[in-house]
Protein backbone atom coordinates (compact mmCIF):
# COMPACT_ATOMS: atom_id res chain seq x y z
CA UNK A 1 -3.29 1.32 -34.65
CA UNK A 2 -2.54 3.09 -31.35
CA UNK A 3 1.18 2.87 -30.07
CA UNK A 4 0.52 2.74 -26.26
CA UNK A 5 3.69 2.66 -23.86
CA UNK A 6 2.61 0.16 -20.97
CA UNK A 7 5.49 0.64 -18.96
CA UNK A 8 5.01 4.54 -19.07
CA UNK A 9 1.41 4.46 -18.38
CA UNK A 10 1.92 1.78 -15.49
CA UNK A 11 4.67 3.92 -13.78
CA UNK A 12 3.07 7.28 -14.04
CA UNK A 13 1.49 8.80 -11.37
CA UNK A 14 -2.55 8.91 -11.57
CA UNK A 15 -3.53 11.43 -8.85
CA UNK A 16 -7.69 11.21 -9.24
CA UNK A 17 -9.34 14.10 -11.22
CA UNK A 18 -11.62 14.72 -8.14
CA UNK A 19 -8.83 14.71 -5.44
CA UNK A 20 -9.21 18.28 -4.60
CA UNK A 21 -7.88 19.40 -1.69
CA UNK A 22 -6.05 15.78 -1.23
CA UNK A 23 -4.16 15.79 -4.45
CA UNK A 24 -0.81 16.28 -3.20
CA UNK A 25 -1.30 13.83 -0.16
CA UNK A 26 -2.67 11.34 -2.76
CA UNK A 27 0.49 12.04 -4.97
CA UNK A 28 2.66 11.11 -2.17
CA UNK A 29 0.87 7.65 -1.31
CA UNK A 30 0.83 6.76 -5.18
CA UNK A 31 4.78 7.68 -5.35
CA UNK A 32 4.98 4.80 -2.30
CA UNK A 33 3.78 2.16 -5.26
CA UNK A 34 7.10 0.55 -7.01
CA UNK A 35 7.33 1.16 -10.87
CA UNK A 36 5.61 -1.75 -12.50
CA UNK A 37 2.66 -1.81 -10.10
CA UNK A 38 0.65 1.07 -11.64
CA UNK A 39 0.11 4.02 -9.71
CA UNK A 40 -3.55 4.19 -9.36
CA UNK A 41 -6.05 4.56 -6.24
CA UNK A 42 -9.32 2.90 -6.82
CA UNK A 43 -11.61 4.16 -4.75
CA UNK A 44 -13.93 7.26 -4.40
CA UNK A 45 -13.67 10.42 -2.62
CA UNK A 46 -15.45 9.86 0.39
CA UNK A 47 -12.38 7.69 1.50
CA UNK A 48 -9.77 10.02 0.51
CA UNK A 49 -9.45 11.69 4.12
CA UNK A 50 -9.21 8.12 5.39
CA UNK A 51 -6.20 7.08 3.12
CA UNK A 52 -4.28 10.62 3.77
CA UNK A 53 -4.53 10.15 7.68
CA UNK A 54 -3.67 6.44 7.16
CA UNK A 55 -0.41 7.19 5.15
CA UNK A 56 0.54 10.27 7.78
CA UNK A 57 0.01 7.58 10.84
CA UNK A 58 2.19 4.93 8.76
CA UNK A 59 5.13 6.93 7.66
CA UNK A 60 5.47 7.95 11.32
CA UNK A 61 5.76 4.23 12.49
CA UNK A 62 7.19 3.07 8.96
CA UNK A 63 8.93 5.96 6.86
CA UNK A 64 10.18 3.68 4.10
CA UNK A 65 6.76 1.99 3.93
CA UNK A 66 5.94 0.57 0.30
CA UNK A 67 2.30 0.44 -1.18
CA UNK A 68 1.57 -2.20 -3.84
CA UNK A 69 -2.36 -1.28 -4.30
CA UNK A 70 -5.30 1.11 -2.79
CA UNK A 71 -9.03 -0.22 -4.27
CA UNK A 72 -12.47 -0.59 -3.10
CA UNK A 73 -13.21 -4.13 -3.27
CA UNK A 74 -16.86 -5.88 -2.13
CA UNK A 75 -17.75 -2.49 -0.52
CA UNK A 76 -14.49 -2.51 1.59
CA UNK A 77 -10.98 -0.72 1.36
CA UNK A 78 -8.09 -2.87 0.44
CA UNK A 79 -4.55 -1.14 1.41
CA UNK A 80 -1.85 -3.74 0.36
CA UNK A 81 1.74 -2.74 1.79
CA UNK A 82 4.71 -4.07 3.10
CA UNK A 83 7.07 -2.38 5.88
CA UNK A 84 9.89 -1.34 3.24
CA UNK A 85 12.37 -1.99 6.03
CA UNK A 86 14.62 -4.74 7.41
CA UNK A 87 17.27 -5.41 10.13
CA UNK A 88 20.80 -4.73 8.86
CA UNK A 89 24.21 -4.29 10.38
CA UNK A 90 24.68 -0.47 10.48
CA UNK A 91 28.36 -0.96 9.71
CA UNK A 92 27.20 -2.80 6.66
CA UNK A 93 23.82 -1.21 5.46
CA UNK A 94 24.04 -2.30 1.66
CA UNK A 95 23.85 -5.73 0.10
CA UNK A 96 26.35 -5.76 -3.05
CA UNK A 97 24.59 -5.40 -6.59
CA UNK A 98 25.28 -7.90 -9.10
CA UNK A 99 27.59 -6.34 -12.01
CA UNK A 100 25.95 -5.31 -15.51
CA UNK A 101 28.50 -7.10 -17.79
CA UNK A 102 26.82 -10.52 -17.04
CA UNK A 103 30.09 -12.50 -17.30
CA UNK A 104 30.76 -15.43 -15.18
CA UNK A 105 33.86 -13.78 -13.42
CA UNK A 106 31.49 -11.09 -12.63
CA UNK A 107 28.67 -13.01 -11.70
CA UNK A 108 31.09 -15.25 -9.61
CA UNK A 109 32.65 -12.22 -7.62
CA UNK A 110 28.89 -10.82 -6.99
CA UNK A 111 28.15 -14.44 -5.70
CA UNK A 112 31.14 -14.40 -3.21
CA UNK A 113 30.07 -10.87 -2.00
CA UNK A 114 26.63 -11.80 -1.42
CA UNK A 115 27.34 -14.69 0.33
CA UNK A 116 29.84 -12.97 2.76
CA UNK A 117 27.11 -9.97 3.17
CA UNK A 118 24.92 -12.68 4.09
CA UNK A 119 26.61 -13.99 6.72
CA UNK A 120 27.88 -11.08 8.22
CA UNK A 121 24.08 -10.01 8.65
CA UNK A 122 23.18 -13.08 9.96
CA UNK A 123 25.96 -13.00 12.82
CA UNK A 124 24.41 -8.99 13.41
CA UNK A 125 20.87 -10.43 13.85
CA UNK A 126 22.14 -13.04 16.43
CA UNK A 127 23.82 -9.93 18.60
CA UNK A 128 21.85 -8.29 21.45
CA UNK A 129 21.64 -5.20 19.50
CA UNK A 130 20.41 -7.11 16.13
CA UNK A 131 17.75 -8.86 18.35
CA UNK A 132 16.44 -5.67 19.69
CA UNK A 133 16.13 -4.27 16.31
CA UNK A 134 14.21 -7.25 15.04
CA UNK A 135 11.94 -6.96 17.81
CA UNK A 136 11.81 -3.11 17.34
CA UNK A 137 10.57 -3.63 13.21
CA UNK A 138 8.28 -6.46 14.59
CA UNK A 139 6.52 -4.46 16.79
CA UNK A 140 6.41 -1.46 14.31
CA UNK A 141 5.21 -3.62 11.59
CA UNK A 142 2.43 -5.11 13.71
CA UNK A 143 1.26 -1.25 14.72
CA UNK A 144 1.17 -0.54 10.93
CA UNK A 145 -0.85 -3.57 10.73
CA UNK A 146 -3.38 -2.44 12.96
CA UNK A 147 -3.20 1.05 11.28
CA UNK A 148 -4.44 -0.46 8.31
CA UNK A 149 -6.98 -2.57 9.66
CA UNK A 150 -8.72 0.44 11.74
CA UNK A 151 -9.19 2.48 8.43
CA UNK A 152 -10.35 -0.48 6.54
CA UNK A 153 -13.05 -1.06 9.39
CA UNK A 154 -13.92 2.70 9.21
CA UNK A 155 -14.26 2.71 5.54
CA UNK A 156 -16.92 0.06 6.22
CA UNK A 157 -19.34 2.72 7.69
CA UNK A 158 -17.91 5.64 5.63
CA UNK A 159 -19.56 6.50 2.42
CA UNK A 160 -17.09 6.03 -0.59
CA UNK A 161 -18.72 8.97 -2.45
CA UNK A 162 -19.09 11.62 0.34
CA UNK A 163 -17.53 10.45 3.49
CA UNK A 164 -20.57 10.65 5.79
CA UNK A 165 -21.94 7.98 7.63
CA UNK A 166 -22.89 4.43 5.79
CA UNK A 167 -23.66 0.94 5.28
CA UNK A 168 -23.07 -1.91 2.67
CA UNK A 169 -25.06 -1.38 -0.25
CA UNK A 170 -25.82 -3.20 -3.69
CA UNK A 171 -26.96 -2.97 -7.12
CA UNK A 172 -30.69 -4.15 -7.27
CA UNK A 173 -29.65 -6.13 -10.51
CA UNK A 174 -29.10 -9.39 -10.53
CA UNK A 175 -25.46 -9.49 -10.48
CA UNK A 176 -24.67 -7.52 -7.72
CA UNK A 177 -21.93 -4.82 -7.21
CA UNK A 178 -21.05 -3.73 -3.80
CA UNK A 179 -20.54 -0.03 -2.46
CA UNK A 180 -20.30 1.34 1.13
CA UNK A 181 -22.69 4.50 0.76
CA UNK A 182 -24.95 6.62 2.75
CA UNK A 183 -28.70 6.76 1.94
CA UNK A 184 -28.59 9.67 0.24
CA UNK A 185 -25.49 8.20 -2.27
CA UNK A 186 -27.35 5.02 -2.60
CA UNK A 187 -30.50 6.35 -3.46
CA UNK A 188 -28.85 8.63 -6.20
CA UNK A 189 -26.67 5.76 -7.66
CA UNK A 190 -29.70 3.14 -7.13
CA UNK A 191 -28.15 1.39 -4.79
CA UNK A 192 -29.96 -0.55 -2.50
CA UNK A 193 -28.87 -1.32 1.40
CA UNK A 194 -27.46 -5.10 1.55
CA UNK A 195 -29.43 -7.45 3.75
CA UNK A 196 -26.60 -9.66 3.92
CA UNK A 197 -24.50 -7.31 6.11
CA UNK A 198 -22.09 -8.56 8.74
């Protein structure tokens, strides 16, 4: 019987074996995935340049962004992420953390500190400075969403295997598997162009 440490497996950084010149950049992308989510990139080499470019652009707009998953689904790229930022009072940047004892007095003290911190945060967010920070963050998040959508659109015309110009393909078997492939890769992988492209 195998003794597998699943938590270690999830938290390990799984740089794809075919990463080549993109290995370090992909490692950086994988490190944005929080512990417990599984640090894999589930697409093929042709899309690695898209991922690297997207990460570079997102980092300039949202340096603390977190990633939850990168994968191919139905022949398209999926990049699930969040901004990793919120609007805090610069004079009160960190919320209180709960104590480790778990006793009632410690819990009550934490609750009171947390409630007070939330009230200060709410008050700050109502100030002109807080409102400006909220507007700035919303603008950067929207720009990040646009970057991700552009990369996902680009993947729809980029061969997942080699990076050449491509279209959606499917297996010719009864149960279809979809991939975005160039004609040469589609032929080698025994895929045919999908008729129901949108």
